Structure formats: structure tokens, C-alpha cells
Amino acid sequence: MVLLMIICNIKDPHMDEFFILVLCLTILFASIVHGAIGFGFGMISTPVIALFTDMQTTILYMLIPTMVTNIISISSEGKFFEALKKFWFIITLMVIGSALGTVLLLYTNSEFFKLLLAAIIFLYLLQSFVKIEATFVSKYPKASTYGLGVFGGMLSGLTNIVAPLMIMYTLELKYSRKDTVQLSNLCFLFTKIGQISVFLYYGSFTMEDFNISMICVAVIFIGMFLGIKLKKIIDAKLYVKILKVLLFIIATTLVVQTVSF
């Protein structure tokens, strides 16, 4: 009933039924994947939604849903405050970088950011086949922390994805899997809070956006539930391979669409 009321309150003439259907199906699939293998929500949902609208609108609709998936993931790992105490500095840097990226997005909203999003996905896929060494990270850990924090935060603000940089950083510093997951989720959570603050300050996050976000959140809970159930019966390695093929197709489509625009 509450969800129906929210849908009825969506009055944007540009928000047609087809787009809402695509949005909900994308969020459902992305949350199922995230629930099944523990990652993938932003990596899947962001480029697919970007195929149907501009980057600023995409990021707006992904803010609260991304926060919800991160909170669920953080809760499953436990020791929230311990992880926050350990990683507070790089999280702070990423929030600053994300705020700068969000301001840039608000003032330009360039189609170039879709190509940047596709490039990040291709880099992530490349890491699956080629070991990309970033020895400077272990050699200059302090400088690398500043670099990942500010630059990675800007990428997160512009594209909602920073996984390739995070993977290289945590691998070179030999973080455990648990630390890597906690760091990634905490960074995403707090950068999204920072982004919402920037959007609210500039009057860009409206009640319309909130209503759409609430629909997405309802879909996420369904998808995560199904994904967790699916986790027990699927071959995770095969699932990840299929996911990577899909990501390649999505990123390629994004490039072709943007260049042809």
C-alpha cells in the first residue's frame, strides 16, 4: 500500500512507465547478484540505468539504493566501529573527493562521464585477465592513500564506481578479504551520504527523486532475499564469469551509444 502511494506521487512527465520498469528490473537483478556473490550492485545497475538517462539522474537514483546495499553488507560483516576507526582517514578523503566530483557533475553533466564509467568497467574486467601491478602503492602508501581517497572519491561521485582502484590499493597493501569488503562498503556508504548532502545543498535532490529511491529500496530487499537464497544453490565462479560477460556487453553498448550521440 505504501509503495503504491509512492508510485502514485511520481508526477514527472519524463518519468514514463517504461523507464520505471527498466529501473526496477535493473535494481532487482543487481541486488540478486549482490546478495548471491557479495558484490556487483553498483557495477551492474549504474551503467544499465545510464543507457536510459544522463549521468546526473543515474547517480541521483542510485544514491539511497547504494547506501542500503552497503548497510546490509556492512551489517553482515560486523565490527562496524572497529572498521570505521581503522579506515576513517581514507574514508574522509573519499568523502571530500566525492563531494568535488558531485559538484563537477552538477555543473557539467557531460556525456563524457558515461565514457569514463565504461572505462572503469573495462579496467575492472582487465584485472580479471591481467595482473595489474601497482607497486607504487606499497612503496608510497601515504601518497597512495591520498590519491585513492581524493581521486577515487571523485570517480565515485562522477560514476558511482571505484572498484578497480580499490582492488589495486587493497591488494598491494595486502589487506584481508574482510578488510577489503569493509573498506569498500564504508567508503561507498559515507561518499553517498556526502553526495546527498551536496545534492540537497544545490536543491537537486527532490521529493520526486526520494520517491523513486524508495521504490528501488523495496525492490532491493526482494532481490537481496532472492540472492541470498540463490547463493546456496549456484556455482559462484560460473556466476561471476557470466556477470563479467554481461558487464562487457553493457560497457560496450554504453560507449557505442555515447559516441553515436
C-alpha atoms as a PDB file:
ATOM      1  CA  MET A   1       0.000   0.000   0.000  1.00  0.00           C
ATOM      2  CA  VAL A   2       2.805   2.418   0.945  1.00  0.00           C
ATOM      3  CA  LEU A   3       4.696   1.533  -2.240  1.00  0.00           C
ATOM      4  CA  LEU A   4       1.563   2.139  -4.322  1.00  0.00           C
ATOM      5  CA  MET A   5       1.136   5.588  -2.746  1.00  0.00           C
ATOM      6  CA  ILE A   6       4.752   6.441  -3.567  1.00  0.00           C
ATOM      7  CA  ILE A   7       4.276   5.394  -7.203  1.00  0.00           C
ATOM      8  CA  CYS A   8       1.129   7.487  -7.464  1.00  0.00           C
ATOM      9  CA  ASN A   9       3.050  10.523  -6.192  1.00  0.00           C
ATOM     10  CA  ILE A  10       5.523  10.378  -9.064  1.00  0.00           C
ATOM     11  CA  LYS A  11       4.381  13.190 -11.330  1.00  0.00           C
ATOM     12  CA  ASP A  12       7.427  13.813 -13.500  1.00  0.00           C
ATOM     13  CA  PRO A  13       6.216  13.818 -17.128  1.00  0.00           C
ATOM     14  CA  HIS A  14       9.615  12.458 -18.239  1.00  0.00           C
ATOM     15  CA  MET A  15       9.307   9.507 -15.861  1.00  0.00           C
ATOM     16  CA  ASP A  16       7.312   7.142 -18.072  1.00  0.00           C
ATOM     17  CA  GLU A  17       6.205   3.652 -17.123  1.00  0.00           C
ATOM     18  CA  PHE A  18       8.841   2.022 -19.328  1.00  0.00           C
ATOM     19  CA  PHE A  19      11.704   3.750 -17.540  1.00  0.00           C
ATOM     20  CA  ILE A  20      10.341   2.841 -14.096  1.00  0.00           C
ATOM     21  CA  LEU A  21      10.010  -0.782 -15.253  1.00  0.00           C
ATOM     22  CA  VAL A  22      13.611  -0.807 -16.556  1.00  0.00           C
ATOM     23  CA  LEU A  23      14.808   0.810 -13.330  1.00  0.00           C
ATOM     24  CA  CYS A  24      13.039  -1.737 -11.126  1.00  0.00           C
ATOM     25  CA  LEU A  25      14.163  -4.739 -13.179  1.00  0.00           C
ATOM     26  CA  THR A  26      17.762  -3.483 -13.208  1.00  0.00           C
ATOM     27  CA  ILE A  27      17.745  -2.903  -9.448  1.00  0.00           C
ATOM     28  CA  LEU A  28      16.176  -6.336  -8.911  1.00  0.00           C
ATOM     29  CA  PHE A  29      18.804  -8.128 -10.978  1.00  0.00           C
ATOM     30  CA  ALA A  30      21.699  -6.137  -9.472  1.00  0.00           C
ATOM     31  CA  SER A  31      20.519  -6.811  -5.901  1.00  0.00           C
ATOM     32  CA  ILE A  32      20.059 -10.532  -6.634  1.00  0.00           C
ATOM     33  CA  VAL A  33      23.655 -10.661  -7.884  1.00  0.00           C
ATOM     34  CA  HIS A  34      24.884  -8.689  -4.869  1.00  0.00           C
ATOM     35  CA  GLY A  35      23.023 -10.990  -2.493  1.00  0.00           C
ATOM     36  CA  ALA A  36      24.363 -14.102  -4.230  1.00  0.00           C
ATOM     37  CA  ILE A  37      28.060 -13.227  -4.588  1.00  0.00           C
ATOM     38  CA  GLY A  38      28.520 -10.304  -2.185  1.00  0.00           C
ATOM     39  CA  PHE A  39      29.254  -7.543  -4.710  1.00  0.00           C
ATOM     40  CA  GLY A  40      28.128  -6.132  -8.042  1.00  0.00           C
ATOM     41  CA  PHE A  41      25.178  -3.859  -7.230  1.00  0.00           C
ATOM     42  CA  GLY A  42      26.658  -0.549  -8.364  1.00  0.00           C
ATOM     43  CA  MET A  43      28.764  -2.138 -11.095  1.00  0.00           C
ATOM     44  CA  ILE A  44      25.643  -3.552 -12.782  1.00  0.00           C
ATOM     45  CA  SER A  45      22.899  -1.036 -12.017  1.00  0.00           C
ATOM     46  CA  THR A  46      24.790   2.195 -12.776  1.00  0.00           C
ATOM     47  CA  PRO A  47      25.802   1.540 -16.427  1.00  0.00           C
ATOM     48  CA  VAL A  48      22.419  -0.015 -17.293  1.00  0.00           C
ATOM     49  CA  ILE A  49      20.472   2.977 -15.947  1.00  0.00           C
ATOM     50  CA  ALA A  50      22.944   5.294 -17.697  1.00  0.00           C
ATOM     51  CA  LEU A  51      21.864   3.758 -21.013  1.00  0.00           C
ATOM     52  CA  PHE A  52      18.422   5.302 -20.493  1.00  0.00           C
ATOM     53  CA  THR A  53      19.204   8.687 -18.951  1.00  0.00           C
ATOM     54  CA  ASP A  54      22.032  11.131 -18.168  1.00  0.00           C
ATOM     55  CA  MET A  55      24.718  10.528 -15.521  1.00  0.00           C
ATOM     56  CA  GLN A  56      23.401  13.065 -13.028  1.00  0.00           C
ATOM     57  CA  THR A  57      19.966  11.445 -12.978  1.00  0.00           C
ATOM     58  CA  THR A  58      21.567   7.996 -12.792  1.00  0.00           C
ATOM     59  CA  ILE A  59      23.664   8.957  -9.773  1.00  0.00           C
ATOM     60  CA  LEU A  60      20.655  10.579  -8.076  1.00  0.00           C
ATOM     61  CA  TYR A  61      18.554   7.424  -8.380  1.00  0.00           C
ATOM     62  CA  MET A  62      21.441   5.216  -7.210  1.00  0.00           C
ATOM     63  CA  LEU A  63      22.322   7.181  -4.041  1.00  0.00           C
ATOM     64  CA  ILE A  64      19.908   5.707  -1.497  1.00  0.00           C
ATOM     65  CA  PRO A  65      19.780   2.206  -3.066  1.00  0.00           C
ATOM     66  CA  THR A  66      23.597   2.036  -2.976  1.00  0.00           C
ATOM     67  CA  MET A  67      23.578   3.128   0.666  1.00  0.00           C
ATOM     68  CA  VAL A  68      21.055   0.430   1.553  1.00  0.00           C
ATOM     69  CA  THR A  69      23.074  -2.364  -0.090  1.00  0.00           C
ATOM     70  CA  ASN A  70      26.224  -1.097   1.653  1.00  0.00           C
ATOM     71  CA  ILE A  71      24.499  -1.040   5.052  1.00  0.00           C
ATOM     72  CA  ILE A  72      23.289  -4.616   4.529  1.00  0.00           C
ATOM     73  CA  SER A  73      26.795  -5.730   3.528  1.00  0.00           C
ATOM     74  CA  ILE A  74      28.436  -3.909   6.449  1.00  0.00           C
ATOM     75  CA  SER A  75      25.963  -5.456   8.878  1.00  0.00           C
ATOM     76  CA  SER A  76      26.743  -8.945   7.596  1.00  0.00           C
ATOM     77  CA  GLU A  77      30.492  -8.413   8.132  1.00  0.00           C
ATOM     78  CA  GLY A  78      30.106  -6.961  11.654  1.00  0.00           C
ATOM     79  CA  LYS A  79      32.555  -4.819  13.712  1.00  0.00           C
ATOM     80  CA  PHE A  80      31.378  -1.575  12.093  1.00  0.00           C
ATOM     81  CA  PHE A  81      33.008   0.845  14.559  1.00  0.00           C
ATOM     82  CA  GLU A  82      36.260  -1.111  14.604  1.00  0.00           C
ATOM     83  CA  ALA A  83      36.486  -0.863  10.805  1.00  0.00           C
ATOM     84  CA  LEU A  84      35.483   2.819  10.884  1.00  0.00           C
ATOM     85  CA  LYS A  85      38.237   3.564  13.396  1.00  0.00           C
ATOM     86  CA  LYS A  86      40.763   1.748  11.224  1.00  0.00           C
ATOM     87  CA  PHE A  87      39.859   3.404   7.913  1.00  0.00           C
ATOM     88  CA  TRP A  88      38.495   6.821   8.964  1.00  0.00           C
ATOM     89  CA  PHE A  89      41.248   8.809   7.211  1.00  0.00           C
ATOM     90  CA  ILE A  90      40.832   7.361   3.727  1.00  0.00           C
ATOM     91  CA  ILE A  91      37.035   7.468   4.144  1.00  0.00           C
ATOM     92  CA  THR A  92      37.259  11.192   4.940  1.00  0.00           C
ATOM     93  CA  LEU A  93      39.410  11.784   1.863  1.00  0.00           C
ATOM     94  CA  MET A  94      36.943   9.881  -0.321  1.00  0.00           C
ATOM     95  CA  VAL A  95      34.014  11.907   1.004  1.00  0.00           C
ATOM     96  CA  ILE A  96      35.882  15.109   0.070  1.00  0.00           C
ATOM     97  CA  GLY A  97      36.718  13.724  -3.375  1.00  0.00           C
ATOM     98  CA  SER A  98      33.152  12.546  -3.890  1.00  0.00           C
ATOM     99  CA  ALA A  99      31.805  15.985  -2.991  1.00  0.00           C
ATOM    100  CA  LEU A 100      34.147  17.583  -5.547  1.00  0.00           C
ATOM    101  CA  GLY A 101      33.076  15.048  -8.177  1.00  0.00           C
ATOM    102  CA  THR A 102      29.409  15.703  -7.424  1.00  0.00           C
ATOM    103  CA  VAL A 103      29.844  19.467  -7.832  1.00  0.00           C
ATOM    104  CA  LEU A 104      31.575  18.830 -11.172  1.00  0.00           C
ATOM    105  CA  LEU A 105      28.703  16.544 -12.197  1.00  0.00           C
ATOM    106  CA  LEU A 106      26.136  19.198 -11.261  1.00  0.00           C
ATOM    107  CA  TYR A 107      27.848  21.931 -13.246  1.00  0.00           C
ATOM    108  CA  THR A 108      28.708  19.916 -16.363  1.00  0.00           C
ATOM    109  CA  ASN A 109      26.680  16.662 -16.505  1.00  0.00           C
ATOM    110  CA  SER A 110      28.743  15.770 -19.572  1.00  0.00           C
ATOM    111  CA  GLU A 111      28.143  12.670 -21.667  1.00  0.00           C
ATOM    112  CA  PHE A 112      31.902  12.161 -21.301  1.00  0.00           C
ATOM    113  CA  PHE A 113      31.228  10.755 -17.831  1.00  0.00           C
ATOM    114  CA  LYS A 114      29.475   7.786 -19.446  1.00  0.00           C
ATOM    115  CA  LEU A 115      32.704   7.001 -21.300  1.00  0.00           C
ATOM    116  CA  LEU A 116      34.558   7.336 -18.000  1.00  0.00           C
ATOM    117  CA  LEU A 117      32.107   4.876 -16.443  1.00  0.00           C
ATOM    118  CA  ALA A 118      32.664   2.407 -19.300  1.00  0.00           C
ATOM    119  CA  ALA A 119      36.455   2.803 -18.982  1.00  0.00           C
ATOM    120  CA  ILE A 120      36.316   1.925 -15.278  1.00  0.00           C
ATOM    121  CA  ILE A 121      34.280  -1.206 -16.061  1.00  0.00           C
ATOM    122  CA  PHE A 122      36.779  -2.248 -18.760  1.00  0.00           C
ATOM    123  CA  LEU A 123      39.627  -1.722 -16.272  1.00  0.00           C
ATOM    124  CA  TYR A 124      37.807  -3.911 -13.752  1.00  0.00           C
ATOM    125  CA  LEU A 125      37.378  -6.651 -16.380  1.00  0.00           C
ATOM    126  CA  LEU A 126      41.022  -6.336 -17.454  1.00  0.00           C
ATOM    127  CA  GLN A 127      42.097  -7.022 -13.878  1.00  0.00           C
ATOM    128  CA  SER A 128      40.461 -10.445 -14.199  1.00  0.00           C
ATOM    129  CA  PHE A 129      42.805 -11.465 -17.023  1.00  0.00           C
ATOM    130  CA  VAL A 130      45.960  -9.436 -16.439  1.00  0.00           C
ATOM    131  CA  LYS A 131      47.630  -8.818 -13.113  1.00  0.00           C
ATOM    132  CA  ILE A 132      47.941  -5.054 -12.946  1.00  0.00           C
ATOM    133  CA  GLU A 133      50.706  -4.298 -10.502  1.00  0.00           C
ATOM    134  CA  ALA A 134      50.658  -1.002  -8.649  1.00  0.00           C
ATOM    135  CA  THR A 135      53.921  -1.306  -6.738  1.00  0.00           C
ATOM    136  CA  PHE A 136      53.949   2.430  -6.043  1.00  0.00           C
ATOM    137  CA  VAL A 137      51.081   1.812  -3.598  1.00  0.00           C
ATOM    138  CA  SER A 138      53.225  -0.322  -1.279  1.00  0.00           C
ATOM    139  CA  LYS A 139      56.270   1.879  -1.939  1.00  0.00           C
ATOM    140  CA  TYR A 140      54.428   5.135  -1.191  1.00  0.00           C
ATOM    141  CA  PRO A 141      51.446   4.096   0.967  1.00  0.00           C
ATOM    142  CA  LYS A 142      50.739   7.575   2.347  1.00  0.00           C
ATOM    143  CA  ALA A 143      50.714   9.265  -1.067  1.00  0.00           C
ATOM    144  CA  SER A 144      48.630   6.401  -2.468  1.00  0.00           C
ATOM    145  CA  THR A 145      46.094   6.821   0.315  1.00  0.00           C
ATOM    146  CA  TYR A 146      45.710  10.499  -0.579  1.00  0.00           C
ATOM    147  CA  GLY A 147      45.481   9.606  -4.270  1.00  0.00           C
ATOM    148  CA  LEU A 148      42.882   6.873  -3.834  1.00  0.00           C
ATOM    149  CA  GLY A 149      40.967   8.990  -1.353  1.00  0.00           C
ATOM    150  CA  VAL A 150      40.620  12.170  -3.403  1.00  0.00           C
ATOM    151  CA  PHE A 151      40.778  10.827  -6.972  1.00  0.00           C
ATOM    152  CA  GLY A 152      38.835   7.654  -6.142  1.00  0.00           C
ATOM    153  CA  GLY A 153      36.251   9.757  -4.363  1.00  0.00           C
ATOM    154  CA  MET A 154      35.855  11.967  -7.427  1.00  0.00           C
ATOM    155  CA  LEU A 155      35.383   8.874  -9.621  1.00  0.00           C
ATOM    156  CA  SER A 156      32.748   7.618  -7.192  1.00  0.00           C
ATOM    157  CA  GLY A 157      30.972  10.958  -7.333  1.00  0.00           C
ATOM    158  CA  LEU A 158      31.019  11.021 -11.136  1.00  0.00           C
ATOM    159  CA  THR A 159      30.354   7.349 -11.950  1.00  0.00           C
ATOM    160  CA  ASN A 160      29.280   5.548  -8.742  1.00  0.00           C
ATOM    161  CA  ILE A 161      32.124   3.027  -9.293  1.00  0.00           C
ATOM    162  CA  VAL A 162      35.648   2.917  -7.895  1.00  0.00           C
ATOM    163  CA  ALA A 163      36.220  -0.851  -7.575  1.00  0.00           C
ATOM    164  CA  PRO A 164      39.321  -1.203  -9.836  1.00  0.00           C
ATOM    165  CA  LEU A 165      41.303   1.381  -7.863  1.00  0.00           C
ATOM    166  CA  MET A 166      40.144  -0.084  -4.561  1.00  0.00           C
ATOM    167  CA  ILE A 167      41.190  -3.589  -5.671  1.00  0.00           C
ATOM    168  CA  MET A 168      44.685  -2.457  -6.658  1.00  0.00           C
ATOM    169  CA  TYR A 169      45.103  -0.483  -3.430  1.00  0.00           C
ATOM    170  CA  THR A 170      43.990  -3.261  -1.071  1.00  0.00           C
ATOM    171  CA  LEU A 171      45.925  -5.997  -2.923  1.00  0.00           C
ATOM    172  CA  GLU A 172      49.200  -4.074  -2.835  1.00  0.00           C
ATOM    173  CA  LEU A 173      48.790  -3.313   0.880  1.00  0.00           C
ATOM    174  CA  LYS A 174      47.829  -6.984   1.457  1.00  0.00           C
ATOM    175  CA  TYR A 175      44.512  -6.289   3.146  1.00  0.00           C
ATOM    176  CA  SER A 176      42.454  -9.290   4.160  1.00  0.00           C
ATOM    177  CA  ARG A 177      39.245 -10.035   2.271  1.00  0.00           C
ATOM    178  CA  LYS A 178      37.202  -8.841   5.252  1.00  0.00           C
ATOM    179  CA  ASP A 179      39.120  -5.547   5.470  1.00  0.00           C
ATOM    180  CA  THR A 180      38.734  -5.033   1.714  1.00  0.00           C
ATOM    181  CA  VAL A 181      34.966  -5.605   1.867  1.00  0.00           C
ATOM    182  CA  GLN A 182      34.555  -3.374   4.918  1.00  0.00           C
ATOM    183  CA  LEU A 183      36.687  -0.584   3.446  1.00  0.00           C
ATOM    184  CA  SER A 184      34.801  -0.668   0.138  1.00  0.00           C
ATOM    185  CA  ASN A 185      31.384  -0.629   1.776  1.00  0.00           C
ATOM    186  CA  LEU A 186      32.275   2.073   4.307  1.00  0.00           C
ATOM    187  CA  CYS A 187      33.740   4.300   1.584  1.00  0.00           C
ATOM    188  CA  PHE A 188      30.656   3.894  -0.572  1.00  0.00           C
ATOM    189  CA  LEU A 189      28.300   4.471   2.343  1.00  0.00           C
ATOM    190  CA  PHE A 190      29.895   7.715   3.501  1.00  0.00           C
ATOM    191  CA  THR A 191      30.558   9.061  -0.006  1.00  0.00           C
ATOM    192  CA  LYS A 192      26.859   8.584  -0.794  1.00  0.00           C
ATOM    193  CA  ILE A 193      25.932  10.480   2.379  1.00  0.00           C
ATOM    194  CA  GLY A 194      28.283  13.245   1.239  1.00  0.00           C
ATOM    195  CA  GLN A 195      26.753  13.248  -2.238  1.00  0.00           C
ATOM    196  CA  ILE A 196      23.216  13.518  -0.907  1.00  0.00           C
ATOM    197  CA  SER A 197      24.336  16.494   1.185  1.00  0.00           C
ATOM    198  CA  VAL A 198      25.755  18.217  -1.912  1.00  0.00           C
ATOM    199  CA  PHE A 199      22.639  17.491  -3.999  1.00  0.00           C
ATOM    200  CA  LEU A 200      20.403  18.797  -1.196  1.00  0.00           C
ATOM    201  CA  TYR A 201      22.523  21.944  -0.840  1.00  0.00           C
ATOM    202  CA  TYR A 202      22.129  22.706  -4.541  1.00  0.00           C
ATOM    203  CA  GLY A 203      18.427  21.774  -4.497  1.00  0.00           C
ATOM    204  CA  SER A 204      18.940  18.891  -6.935  1.00  0.00           C
ATOM    205  CA  PHE A 205      17.633  16.057  -4.758  1.00  0.00           C
ATOM    206  CA  THR A 206      13.860  16.433  -4.839  1.00  0.00           C
ATOM    207  CA  MET A 207      10.920  14.590  -3.307  1.00  0.00           C
ATOM    208  CA  GLU A 208      10.461  13.027  -6.738  1.00  0.00           C
ATOM    209  CA  ASP A 209      13.931  11.513  -6.526  1.00  0.00           C
ATOM    210  CA  PHE A 210      13.244  10.335  -2.974  1.00  0.00           C
ATOM    211  CA  ASN A 211      10.022   8.604  -4.044  1.00  0.00           C
ATOM    212  CA  ILE A 212      11.797   6.802  -6.871  1.00  0.00           C
ATOM    213  CA  SER A 213      14.585   5.810  -4.473  1.00  0.00           C
ATOM    214  CA  MET A 214      12.059   4.295  -2.070  1.00  0.00           C
ATOM    215  CA  ILE A 215      10.655   2.130  -4.866  1.00  0.00           C
ATOM    216  CA  CYS A 216      14.204   0.953  -5.590  1.00  0.00           C
ATOM    217  CA  VAL A 217      14.820   0.189  -1.902  1.00  0.00           C
ATOM    218  CA  ALA A 218      11.692  -2.005  -1.763  1.00  0.00           C
ATOM    219  CA  VAL A 219      12.942  -3.881  -4.839  1.00  0.00           C
ATOM    220  CA  ILE A 220      16.404  -4.261  -3.267  1.00  0.00           C
ATOM    221  CA  PHE A 221      15.054  -6.099  -0.232  1.00  0.00           C
ATOM    222  CA  ILE A 222      13.265  -8.558  -2.526  1.00  0.00           C
ATOM    223  CA  GLY A 223      16.368  -9.002  -4.697  1.00  0.00           C
ATOM    224  CA  MET A 224      18.760  -9.431  -1.768  1.00  0.00           C
ATOM    225  CA  PHE A 225      16.458 -12.035  -0.221  1.00  0.00           C
ATOM    226  CA  LEU A 226      16.344 -13.983  -3.500  1.00  0.00           C
ATOM    227  CA  GLY A 227      20.099 -13.593  -3.988  1.00  0.00           C
ATOM    228  CA  ILE A 228      20.919 -14.972  -0.538  1.00  0.00           C
ATOM    229  CA  LYS A 229      18.652 -17.961  -1.238  1.00  0.00           C
ATOM    230  CA  LEU A 230      20.267 -18.425  -4.658  1.00  0.00           C
ATOM    231  CA  LYS A 231      23.732 -18.319  -3.099  1.00  0.00           C
ATOM    232  CA  LYS A 232      23.211 -21.799  -1.663  1.00  0.00           C
ATOM    233  CA  ILE A 233      22.489 -23.468  -4.991  1.00  0.00           C
ATOM    234  CA  ILE A 234      24.608 -21.688  -7.634  1.00  0.00           C
ATOM    235  CA  ASP A 235      28.180 -22.129  -8.812  1.00  0.00           C
ATOM    236  CA  ALA A 236      29.624 -18.757  -7.746  1.00  0.00           C
ATOM    237  CA  LYS A 237      32.588 -18.941 -10.163  1.00  0.00           C
ATOM    238  CA  LEU A 238      30.351 -19.580 -13.163  1.00  0.00           C
ATOM    239  CA  TYR A 239      28.020 -16.819 -11.995  1.00  0.00           C
ATOM    240  CA  VAL A 240      30.920 -14.330 -11.860  1.00  0.00           C
ATOM    241  CA  LYS A 241      32.066 -15.316 -15.378  1.00  0.00           C
ATOM    242  CA  ILE A 242      28.570 -14.718 -16.769  1.00  0.00           C
ATOM    243  CA  LEU A 243      28.430 -11.408 -14.910  1.00  0.00           C
ATOM    244  CA  LYS A 244      31.706 -10.281 -16.490  1.00  0.00           C
ATOM    245  CA  VAL A 245      30.401 -11.070 -19.977  1.00  0.00           C
ATOM    246  CA  LEU A 246      27.284  -9.029 -19.242  1.00  0.00           C
ATOM    247  CA  LEU A 247      29.387  -6.136 -17.937  1.00  0.00           C
ATOM    248  CA  PHE A 248      31.483  -6.184 -21.118  1.00  0.00           C
ATOM    249  CA  ILE A 249      28.344  -6.042 -23.281  1.00  0.00           C
ATOM    250  CA  ILE A 250      26.837  -3.251 -21.158  1.00  0.00           C
ATOM    251  CA  ALA A 251      30.031  -1.150 -21.184  1.00  0.00           C
ATOM    252  CA  THR A 252      30.496  -1.628 -24.941  1.00  0.00           C
ATOM    253  CA  THR A 253      26.879  -0.599 -25.559  1.00  0.00           C
ATOM    254  CA  LEU A 254      27.406   2.473 -23.370  1.00  0.00           C
ATOM    255  CA  VAL A 255      30.459   3.512 -25.410  1.00  0.00           C
ATOM    256  CA  VAL A 256      28.713   2.990 -28.773  1.00  0.00           C
ATOM    257  CA  GLN A 257      25.615   4.849 -27.603  1.00  0.00           C
ATOM    258  CA  THR A 258      27.610   7.781 -26.202  1.00  0.00           C
ATOM    259  CA  VAL A 259      29.942   8.140 -29.211  1.00  0.00           C
ATOM    260  CA  SER A 260      26.948   7.945 -31.583  1.00  0.00           C
ATOM    261  CA  PHE A 261      25.003  10.551 -29.597  1.00  0.00           C
END
